């Protein structure tokens, strides 16, 4: 099954998409990776969806990536005696550690770590930013505030603290249990919520022990400030625009999105743009024009993947949402302007032999009638470097490891093929030719470019570039046994 686009689609599974027929239909409509949200559903629910994905994978013969998204710590106010209260602009309001039910003047905030970090002038946001209070004075167990944006506050609404670096670990006790469960289950990616500093990713990597790749969700101002350091220790990035838009002025999010995408691409690490991409399709069978434009913008910016959340997990039209994303991506990538934008944003990297090899492969492919770049990769690094180049021709990523193929399902432009381990260059060339012809990328009269590393099956040895005909007889004439 060959996609007619390069950008990948991530679809979240949930109550609206939990059975075999729907999950298979989502994949056939265009989903490349499935997201399992650890915030919703039991471990039994997650296990059942994982099992179905792997059955769809086996039945269709195509590698499918699975992303487990950890919940992260949840900061919430306590309860109110009346269930809710109306806060008005200019009113005084106190948050403290006292367990007594709240009223219009105060409420419990059962997080001493927040009070430890607060300073006068800091903002506290409640209920996804609908209510804003500013700290007048504070201590180790209280914060006296002034309401600057009023509204209804009710039991256990979430709290955001955008102005300070919180001494809160990115992994809660629940996250640690969920991380171990997801790794044992065999997911390919772990998405980390509440990341503020590179140490948060390093801690998760220690716990994961190489069993899954790590994706840092950039959703807090502190993470934006520390982005370069976080990117360095992560395997991928998710631009989580929902929380970014709560904790930062919404008009700052688009330029931040552009910067995060460019940084991840330069590092050859996949980047997902997420949150509210086709939000109206939770209830409607067609998106708004603004949503289509938003999806298109992420594609023009060079994102590796675009993601559906509630649209596919709980919406009325999950398959239509994936189909819409697929069609938007195909349309955008056919636009000549898309090519101009992508190539103008290419950053020249010549720091290693592998960088030179993949750059040369792209240039050769685009200067001649080459039909595909075929990349042999043990770990997926070479294929990711080829993807960073954003070539005009398809990328066929050949690997003997299903785990590598599944992780690469998130990487721009990669068509992953499981290949037998190779020991000699001729065998690799023949395997690449077979993959290109079998999957419809090239015919017997065509040529491909191959990148590989000798010795084979050793990580980080990309040192070979070969132009090869797709006629096995010509290969045998040049490379006899």
Protein backbone atom coordinates (compact mmCIF):
# COMPACT_ATOMS: atom_id res chain seq x y z
CA UNK A 1 0.00 0.00 0.00
CA UNK A 2 1.69 3.14 -1.26
CA UNK A 3 0.75 6.60 0.05
CA UNK A 4 0.40 9.41 -2.48
CA UNK A 5 1.88 11.99 -0.07
CA UNK A 6 4.96 12.44 2.10
CA UNK A 7 3.59 13.96 5.32
CA UNK A 8 2.38 11.34 7.78
CA UNK A 9 -0.97 11.21 9.59
CA UNK A 10 -1.36 10.29 13.27
CA UNK A 11 -4.85 9.24 14.39
CA UNK A 12 -5.83 8.95 18.05
CA UNK A 13 -7.91 5.90 18.99
CA UNK A 14 -10.77 6.03 21.47
CA UNK A 15 -14.42 5.08 21.94
CA UNK A 16 -15.25 5.99 18.32
CA UNK A 17 -12.40 3.92 16.90
CA UNK A 18 -11.79 0.81 18.95
CA UNK A 19 -12.91 -2.09 16.75
CA UNK A 20 -11.02 -3.89 14.00
CA UNK A 21 -13.17 -2.61 11.14
CA UNK A 22 -12.77 1.05 12.11
CA UNK A 23 -9.04 0.85 12.83
CA UNK A 24 -8.44 -0.91 9.52
CA UNK A 25 -10.58 1.67 7.72
CA UNK A 26 -8.59 4.48 9.37
CA UNK A 27 -5.33 2.98 8.14
CA UNK A 28 -6.70 2.46 4.65
CA UNK A 29 -7.97 6.06 4.64
CA UNK A 30 -4.47 7.32 5.40
CA UNK A 31 -3.45 6.92 9.07
CA UNK A 32 0.22 5.92 9.34
CA UNK A 33 0.57 5.98 13.14
CA UNK A 34 -2.01 5.36 15.86
CA UNK A 35 -1.94 7.29 19.13
CA UNK A 36 -3.00 5.59 22.36
CA UNK A 37 -3.90 8.27 24.90
CA UNK A 38 -2.93 7.04 28.37
CA UNK A 39 -5.15 9.74 29.92
CA UNK A 40 -8.26 7.84 28.85
CA UNK A 41 -9.13 4.17 29.13
CA UNK A 42 -7.81 1.32 31.22
CA UNK A 43 -4.76 -0.76 30.52
CA UNK A 44 -7.10 -3.45 29.22
CA UNK A 45 -8.58 -0.94 26.76
CA UNK A 46 -5.12 0.11 25.59
CA UNK A 47 -3.99 -3.50 25.24
CA UNK A 48 -7.04 -4.39 23.16
CA UNK A 49 -6.43 -1.50 20.75
CA UNK A 50 -2.74 -2.39 20.49
CA UNK A 51 -3.66 -5.99 19.61
CA UNK A 52 -6.05 -4.85 16.89
CA UNK A 53 -3.44 -2.50 15.36
CA UNK A 54 -0.94 -5.32 15.15
CA UNK A 55 -3.56 -7.57 13.51
CA UNK A 56 -4.31 -4.88 10.92
CA UNK A 57 -0.56 -4.57 10.35
CA UNK A 58 -0.22 -8.31 9.78
CA UNK A 59 -3.30 -8.52 7.56
CA UNK A 60 -2.24 -5.64 5.31
CA UNK A 61 1.49 -6.35 5.34
CA UNK A 62 2.53 -2.75 6.13
CA UNK A 63 4.44 -1.51 9.22
CA UNK A 64 2.26 0.66 11.48
CA UNK A 65 3.63 2.93 14.19
CA UNK A 66 2.05 3.13 17.66
CA UNK A 67 2.48 6.19 19.89
CA UNK A 68 1.58 5.99 23.59
CA UNK A 69 0.91 9.47 24.99
CA UNK A 70 1.59 9.75 28.74
CA UNK A 71 -0.75 11.96 30.75
CA UNK A 72 1.77 13.92 32.78
CA UNK A 73 1.03 15.52 36.17
CA UNK A 74 -2.36 17.19 36.44
CA UNK A 75 -2.58 20.37 38.52
CA UNK A 76 -6.13 21.07 39.69
CA UNK A 77 -8.00 23.18 42.25
CA UNK A 78 -10.05 21.48 44.97
CA UNK A 79 -13.82 21.50 45.36
CA UNK A 80 -16.40 24.20 46.15
CA UNK A 81 -19.18 24.06 48.72
CA UNK A 82 -21.65 25.11 46.02
CA UNK A 83 -19.97 23.16 43.22
CA UNK A 84 -18.99 26.38 41.43
CA UNK A 85 -18.58 30.11 41.90
CA UNK A 86 -18.53 33.16 39.64
CA UNK A 87 -15.31 35.18 39.84
CA UNK A 88 -15.53 38.78 38.65
CA UNK A 89 -12.73 40.95 37.33
CA UNK A 90 -11.01 42.94 40.06
CA UNK A 91 -12.12 40.66 42.89
CA UNK A 92 -9.65 39.24 45.41
CA UNK A 93 -9.24 35.46 45.44
CA UNK A 94 -7.03 33.21 47.55
CA UNK A 95 -5.57 29.80 46.78
CA UNK A 96 -4.15 27.76 49.67
CA UNK A 97 -3.49 24.28 50.99
CA UNK A 98 -6.50 24.20 53.36
CA UNK A 99 -8.79 21.27 52.60
CA UNK A 100 -12.03 23.10 53.42
CA UNK A 101 -14.47 23.46 50.47
CA UNK A 102 -14.01 26.66 48.51
CA UNK A 103 -16.26 29.68 48.07
CA UNK A 104 -16.21 32.92 46.10
CA UNK A 105 -13.17 34.13 48.09
CA UNK A 106 -10.85 31.08 48.12
CA UNK A 107 -10.24 27.48 47.08
CA UNK A 108 -7.75 24.74 47.85
CA UNK A 109 -4.80 24.30 45.50
CA UNK A 110 -3.32 20.99 46.75
CA UNK A 111 0.10 21.50 45.17
CA UNK A 112 2.72 22.91 47.57
CA UNK A 113 5.24 22.79 44.74
CA UNK A 114 3.31 25.57 42.98
CA UNK A 115 3.45 27.84 46.04
CA UNK A 116 7.17 27.12 46.36
CA UNK A 117 7.77 28.50 42.87
CA UNK A 118 5.31 31.41 42.78
CA UNK A 119 6.35 35.04 42.94
CA UNK A 120 4.25 38.23 43.09
CA UNK A 121 3.13 39.17 39.60
CA UNK A 122 2.92 35.58 38.35
CA UNK A 123 -0.28 34.47 36.62
CA UNK A 124 -2.41 31.43 37.41
CA UNK A 125 -4.75 30.18 34.70
CA UNK A 126 -7.80 28.06 35.51
CA UNK A 127 -10.03 25.98 33.23
CA UNK A 128 -7.87 26.10 30.07
CA UNK A 129 -7.09 29.77 30.58
CA UNK A 130 -10.71 30.93 30.75
CA UNK A 131 -9.96 32.45 34.19
CA UNK A 132 -6.79 34.36 35.00
CA UNK A 133 -5.62 35.57 38.41
CA UNK A 134 -2.41 37.44 39.21
CA UNK A 135 -0.50 36.84 42.45
CA UNK A 136 -0.35 39.83 44.81
CA UNK A 137 1.58 38.11 47.59
CA UNK A 138 2.33 34.50 48.42
CA UNK A 139 3.95 32.12 50.88
CA UNK A 140 4.72 28.44 51.20
CA UNK A 141 1.04 27.54 51.60
CA UNK A 142 -0.98 30.36 50.02
CA UNK A 143 -1.29 32.89 47.21
CA UNK A 144 -3.44 36.00 47.47
CA UNK A 145 -4.51 37.01 44.00
CA UNK A 146 -6.51 39.52 41.96
CA UNK A 147 -8.90 38.28 39.28
CA UNK A 148 -7.93 39.82 35.92
CA UNK A 149 -10.18 37.63 33.74
CA UNK A 150 -13.35 36.44 35.43
CA UNK A 151 -15.62 33.47 34.81
CA UNK A 152 -17.11 30.37 36.36
CA UNK A 153 -14.74 28.30 38.48
CA UNK A 154 -15.86 24.83 39.52
CA UNK A 155 -14.67 21.61 41.11
CA UNK A 156 -11.25 20.24 40.15
CA UNK A 157 -10.62 22.49 37.16
CA UNK A 158 -7.10 22.41 35.78
CA UNK A 159 -4.50 25.03 36.66
CA UNK A 160 -1.69 26.31 34.44
CA UNK A 161 1.27 28.30 35.74
CA UNK A 162 2.90 29.85 32.67
CA UNK A 163 5.30 32.33 34.25
CA UNK A 164 7.50 30.09 36.39
CA UNK A 165 9.51 26.90 36.06
CA UNK A 166 7.69 24.48 38.33
CA UNK A 167 9.65 22.02 40.49
CA UNK A 168 7.36 19.26 39.25
CA UNK A 169 8.59 16.04 37.62
CA UNK A 170 7.26 15.40 34.12
CA UNK A 171 6.47 11.81 35.14
CA UNK A 172 3.82 11.27 37.79
CA UNK A 173 3.44 7.96 39.61
CA UNK A 174 0.70 7.05 37.11
CA UNK A 175 3.04 7.92 34.21
CA UNK A 176 5.74 5.61 35.54
CA UNK A 177 3.28 2.72 35.69
CA UNK A 178 1.91 3.59 32.25
CA UNK A 179 5.40 3.91 30.76
CA UNK A 180 6.38 0.43 31.91
CA UNK A 181 3.08 -1.00 30.69
CA UNK A 182 3.41 0.64 27.26
CA UNK A 183 7.02 -0.48 26.84
CA UNK A 184 6.18 -4.06 27.77
CA UNK A 185 3.22 -3.92 25.38
CA UNK A 186 5.59 -2.99 22.58
CA UNK A 187 4.70 0.55 21.51
CA UNK A 188 7.12 2.32 19.18
CA UNK A 189 6.96 5.86 20.56
CA UNK A 190 6.34 7.41 23.98
CA UNK A 191 5.07 11.00 24.07
CA UNK A 192 6.07 12.85 27.25
CA UNK A 193 3.74 15.50 28.65
CA UNK A 194 4.69 18.44 30.91
CA UNK A 195 8.29 18.55 29.68
CA UNK A 196 10.04 21.65 31.00
CA UNK A 197 13.72 20.75 30.83
CA UNK A 198 15.99 18.17 29.11
CA UNK A 199 16.32 16.26 32.39
CA UNK A 200 12.64 15.31 32.07
CA UNK A 201 13.38 13.44 28.84
CA UNK A 202 16.56 11.90 30.23
CA UNK A 203 14.62 10.48 33.17
CA UNK A 204 12.09 8.86 30.84
CA UNK A 205 14.88 7.45 28.68
CA UNK A 206 16.39 5.77 31.71
CA UNK A 207 13.06 4.11 32.47
CA UNK A 208 12.33 3.16 28.84
CA UNK A 209 15.71 1.44 28.42
CA UNK A 210 15.61 1.65 24.64
CA UNK A 211 12.28 -0.12 24.29
CA UNK A 212 10.58 2.90 22.70
CA UNK A 213 11.63 6.16 21.07
CA UNK A 214 10.90 9.32 23.08
CA UNK A 215 8.88 12.27 21.83
CA UNK A 216 8.91 15.48 23.85
CA UNK A 217 5.65 17.42 23.80
CA UNK A 218 6.39 21.12 23.67
CA UNK A 219 3.42 22.57 25.54
CA UNK A 220 4.93 24.85 28.20
CA UNK A 221 6.78 28.19 27.94
CA UNK A 222 9.73 26.67 29.80
CA UNK A 223 10.02 23.98 27.13
CA UNK A 224 10.01 26.60 24.38
CA UNK A 225 12.88 28.42 26.12
CA UNK A 226 14.85 25.19 26.58
CA UNK A 227 13.90 23.79 23.17
CA UNK A 228 17.39 23.29 21.74
CA UNK A 229 18.51 21.30 24.80
CA UNK A 230 15.27 19.27 24.86
CA UNK A 231 15.55 18.52 21.13
CA UNK A 232 19.09 17.24 21.59
CA UNK A 233 18.02 14.51 24.05
CA UNK A 234 14.71 13.61 22.34
CA UNK A 235 14.00 11.31 19.39
CA UNK A 236 11.09 13.43 18.16
CA UNK A 237 9.00 16.50 18.93
CA UNK A 238 5.28 17.18 19.23
CA UNK A 239 4.09 20.77 18.88
CA UNK A 240 1.23 20.58 21.40
CA UNK A 241 -0.52 23.79 20.43
CA UNK A 242 -3.46 23.40 22.81
CA UNK A 243 -1.53 24.01 26.02
CA UNK A 244 0.86 26.40 24.30
CA UNK A 245 -2.13 28.52 23.34
CA UNK A 246 -3.31 28.54 26.97
CA UNK A 247 -0.01 29.43 28.60
CA UNK A 248 1.23 31.84 25.92
CA UNK A 249 -0.56 34.56 23.96
CA UNK A 250 -2.26 32.77 21.07
CA UNK A 251 -0.67 35.08 18.51
CA UNK A 252 2.79 33.82 19.51
CA UNK A 253 1.98 30.18 18.75
CA UNK A 254 2.30 30.27 14.90
CA UNK A 255 5.88 31.62 14.90
CA UNK A 256 6.80 29.20 17.68
CA UNK A 257 5.37 26.35 15.60
CA UNK A 258 7.54 27.37 12.65
CA UNK A 259 10.67 27.54 14.79
CA UNK A 260 10.06 24.16 16.43
CA UNK A 261 9.46 22.48 13.06
CA UNK A 262 12.61 23.93 11.52
CA UNK A 263 14.70 22.94 14.51
CA UNK A 264 13.47 19.34 14.47
CA UNK A 265 13.96 19.05 10.73
CA UNK A 266 17.53 20.35 10.98
CA UNK A 267 18.20 17.68 13.61
CA UNK A 268 16.62 14.99 11.37
CA UNK A 269 14.07 14.18 14.07
CA UNK A 270 10.37 13.79 13.29
CA UNK A 271 8.02 16.55 14.38
CA UNK A 272 4.23 16.30 14.79
CA UNK A 273 1.86 19.28 14.71
CA UNK A 274 -1.05 18.50 17.01
CA UNK A 275 -4.26 19.81 18.59
CA UNK A 276 -7.49 21.13 17.08
CA UNK A 277 -6.46 20.57 13.48
CA UNK A 278 -9.95 19.52 12.32
CA UNK A 279 -11.83 20.22 15.55
CA UNK A 280 -15.20 20.87 13.91
CA UNK A 281 -15.19 17.34 12.47
CA UNK A 282 -15.92 15.99 15.94
CA UNK A 283 -19.51 16.94 15.14
CA UNK A 284 -19.56 17.77 11.41
CA UNK A 285 -18.74 15.63 8.36
CA UNK A 286 -16.77 18.45 6.71
CA UNK A 287 -14.14 20.82 8.16
CA UNK A 288 -14.10 24.60 8.12
CA UNK A 289 -11.98 26.41 5.56
CA UNK A 290 -9.85 27.79 8.39
CA UNK A 291 -9.08 24.25 9.62
CA UNK A 292 -8.09 23.11 6.14
CA UNK A 293 -5.79 26.12 5.89
CA UNK A 294 -4.29 25.27 9.30
CA UNK A 295 -3.52 21.70 8.21
CA UNK A 296 -2.06 22.97 4.94
CA UNK A 297 0.16 25.46 6.79
CA UNK A 298 1.74 22.69 8.87
CA UNK A 299 2.46 20.74 5.68
CA UNK A 300 3.97 23.78 3.93
CA UNK A 301 6.17 24.31 6.98
CA UNK A 302 7.68 20.85 6.53
CA UNK A 303 6.18 18.96 9.48
CA UNK A 304 6.75 15.22 9.41
CA UNK A 305 3.26 14.47 10.67
CA UNK A 306 -0.10 16.02 11.45
CA UNK A 307 -2.33 14.64 14.17
CA UNK A 308 -6.00 14.06 14.91
CA UNK A 309 -7.09 13.87 18.55
CA UNK A 310 -10.77 13.87 19.52
CA UNK A 311 -11.69 13.98 15.83
CA UNK A 312 -10.74 10.31 15.41
CA UNK A 313 -10.98 9.18 19.06
CA UNK A 314 -14.46 10.39 20.01
CA UNK A 315 -15.89 12.22 17.03
CA UNK A 316 -18.79 11.20 14.84
CA UNK A 317 -16.71 11.10 11.65
CA UNK A 318 -13.28 9.55 12.37
CA UNK A 319 -12.74 8.03 8.93
CA UNK A 320 -13.89 11.19 7.17
CA UNK A 321 -11.43 13.21 9.28
CA UNK A 322 -8.49 11.03 8.21
CA UNK A 323 -9.69 11.12 4.60
CA UNK A 324 -9.85 14.92 4.74
CA UNK A 325 -6.31 15.17 6.10
CA UNK A 326 -5.08 12.77 3.43
CA UNK A 327 -6.73 14.77 0.65
CA UNK A 328 -5.43 18.10 1.96
CA UNK A 329 -1.90 16.68 2.10
CA UNK A 330 -2.07 15.32 -1.45
CA UNK A 331 -3.39 18.65 -2.74
CA UNK A 332 -0.73 20.72 -0.95
CA UNK A 333 2.16 18.52 -2.04
CA UNK A 334 1.08 18.83 -5.69
CA UNK A 335 1.32 22.61 -5.46
CA UNK A 336 4.54 23.94 -7.06
CA UNK A 337 4.70 26.51 -4.26
CA UNK A 338 5.06 23.66 -1.76
CA UNK A 339 8.29 22.56 -3.42
CA UNK A 340 9.60 26.10 -3.46
CA UNK A 341 8.88 26.58 0.24
CA UNK A 342 10.35 23.22 1.27
CA UNK A 343 13.53 23.70 -0.73
CA UNK A 344 13.99 27.29 0.41
CA UNK A 345 13.89 26.11 4.02
CA UNK A 346 16.44 23.33 3.52
CA UNK A 347 19.42 23.79 5.81
CA UNK A 348 22.75 22.60 4.47
CA UNK A 349 24.36 20.13 6.88
CA UNK A 350 27.78 18.74 5.99
CA UNK A 351 29.05 17.50 9.34
CA UNK A 352 29.62 13.83 8.51
CA UNK A 353 30.11 11.37 5.67
CA UNK A 354 26.46 10.34 6.06
CA UNK A 355 25.35 13.98 5.58
CA UNK A 356 27.32 14.15 2.34
CA UNK A 357 26.01 10.79 1.11
CA UNK A 358 22.33 11.64 1.57
CA UNK A 359 22.76 15.14 0.11
CA UNK A 360 24.48 13.66 -2.94
CA UNK A 361 21.73 11.04 -3.27
CA UNK A 362 19.08 13.75 -3.37
CA UNK A 363 21.00 15.86 -5.87
CA UNK A 364 21.62 12.90 -8.18
CA UNK A 365 17.99 11.81 -7.96
CA UNK A 366 16.68 15.27 -8.76
CA UNK A 367 19.17 15.96 -11.56
CA UNK A 368 18.43 12.74 -13.44
CA UNK A 369 15.50 10.43 -14.07
CA UNK A 370 15.93 8.51 -10.80
CA UNK A 371 12.63 7.09 -9.50
CA UNK A 372 13.44 6.57 -5.80
CA UNK A 373 16.11 6.83 -3.13
CA UNK A 374 16.46 3.48 -1.37
CA UNK A 375 18.06 3.61 2.04
CA UNK A 376 19.28 0.56 3.97
CA UNK A 377 19.15 1.36 7.66
CA UNK A 378 19.57 -0.69 10.81
CA UNK A 379 18.51 1.98 13.27
CA UNK A 380 16.61 4.30 10.94
CA UNK A 381 19.17 7.11 11.15
CA UNK A 382 20.13 7.07 7.47
CA UNK A 383 16.51 7.10 6.36
CA UNK A 384 15.88 10.04 8.69
CA UNK A 385 18.83 11.92 7.16
CA UNK A 386 17.45 11.29 3.66
CA UNK A 387 14.06 12.53 4.87
CA UNK A 388 15.65 15.72 6.21
CA UNK A 389 16.67 16.52 2.64
CA UNK A 390 12.97 16.43 1.61
CA UNK A 391 13.80 14.98 -1.84
CA UNK A 392 11.42 15.23 -4.79
CA UNK A 393 11.49 11.47 -5.31
CA UNK A 394 10.10 8.79 -2.95
CA UNK A 395 12.19 7.39 -0.10
CA UNK A 396 12.17 3.61 0.34
CA UNK A 397 13.54 2.72 3.78
CA UNK A 398 14.73 -0.89 3.88
CA UNK A 399 15.51 -2.48 7.24
CA UNK A 400 15.67 -6.00 8.66
CA UNK A 401 14.06 -4.76 11.90
CA UNK A 402 10.30 -4.37 12.23
CA UNK A 403 10.87 -2.06 15.20
CA UNK A 404 12.84 0.34 12.99
CA UNK A 405 10.21 0.24 10.24
CA UNK A 406 7.46 1.03 12.73
CA UNK A 407 9.32 4.00 14.19
CA UNK A 408 10.04 5.32 10.69
CA UNK A 409 6.30 5.29 9.96
CA UNK A 410 6.35 8.75 11.57
CA UNK A 411 9.13 10.14 9.37
CA UNK A 412 8.33 12.31 6.34
CA UNK A 413 8.33 10.56 2.99
CA UNK A 414 9.50 7.12 4.14
CA UNK A 415 7.94 4.02 2.63
CA UNK A 416 9.18 1.27 4.95
CA UNK A 417 10.00 -2.22 3.72
CA UNK A 418 11.20 -5.18 5.78
CA UNK A 419 14.24 -6.66 4.06
CA UNK A 420 16.42 -9.67 4.74
CA UNK A 421 19.73 -8.81 6.44
CA UNK A 422 22.37 -8.15 3.81
CA UNK A 423 26.05 -9.01 3.86
CA UNK A 424 27.12 -7.82 0.39
CA UNK A 425 26.35 -4.74 -1.69
CA UNK A 426 24.98 -6.74 -4.62
CA UNK A 427 22.36 -8.35 -2.38
CA UNK A 428 21.37 -4.94 -1.06
CA UNK A 429 21.01 -3.53 -4.57
CA UNK A 430 18.85 -6.46 -5.66
CA UNK A 431 16.66 -6.11 -2.56
CA UNK A 432 16.22 -2.39 -3.20
CA UNK A 433 15.32 -2.99 -6.84
CA UNK A 434 12.77 -5.62 -5.86
CA UNK A 435 11.15 -3.29 -3.31
CA UNK A 436 11.00 -0.41 -5.80
CA UNK A 437 9.41 -2.55 -8.48
CA UNK A 438 7.08 -4.58 -6.24
CA UNK A 439 5.61 -1.48 -4.60
CA UNK A 440 5.15 0.44 -7.83
CA UNK A 441 7.89 3.04 -7.51
CA UNK A 442 9.90 1.97 -10.57
CA UNK A 443 9.78 -0.26 -13.63
CA UNK A 444 12.39 -2.48 -15.20
CA UNK A 445 13.64 0.36 -17.43
CA UNK A 446 14.13 2.77 -14.52
CA UNK A 447 16.98 3.64 -12.14
CA UNK A 448 17.21 4.07 -8.38
CA UNK A 449 19.77 5.50 -5.96
CA UNK A 450 20.87 3.33 -3.04
CA UNK A 451 22.47 4.51 0.22
CA UNK A 452 23.91 2.00 2.66
CA UNK A 453 26.69 1.34 5.10
CA UNK A 454 29.49 -1.18 4.74
CA UNK A 455 29.87 -3.33 6.75
CA UNK A 456 26.11 -3.97 6.73
CA UNK A 457 23.90 -4.18 9.85
CA UNK A 458 26.14 -1.84 11.85
CA UNK A 459 24.67 1.41 13.14
CA UNK A 460 26.18 4.65 11.90
CA UNK A 461 28.22 3.38 8.96
CA UNK A 462 26.52 5.10 6.01
CA UNK A 463 29.31 5.35 3.45
CA UNK A 464 27.99 3.98 0.13
CA UNK A 465 26.02 5.64 -2.66
CA UNK A 466 25.12 3.54 -5.68
CA UNK A 467 23.06 4.31 -8.79
CA UNK A 468 21.50 1.08 -9.98
CA UNK A 469 19.27 -0.05 -12.84
CA UNK A 470 16.02 -1.84 -12.01
CA UNK A 471 16.93 -4.68 -14.39
CA UNK A 472 18.53 -7.52 -12.41
CA UNK A 473 20.40 -8.72 -15.52
CA UNK A 474 22.29 -5.42 -15.74
CA UNK A 475 23.14 -5.61 -12.04
CA UNK A 476 24.51 -9.12 -12.41
CA UNK A 477 26.63 -8.01 -15.36
CA UNK A 478 28.23 -5.26 -13.28
CA UNK A 479 28.41 -7.20 -9.99
CA UNK A 480 28.93 -10.89 -10.78
CA UNK A 481 28.94 -13.31 -7.86
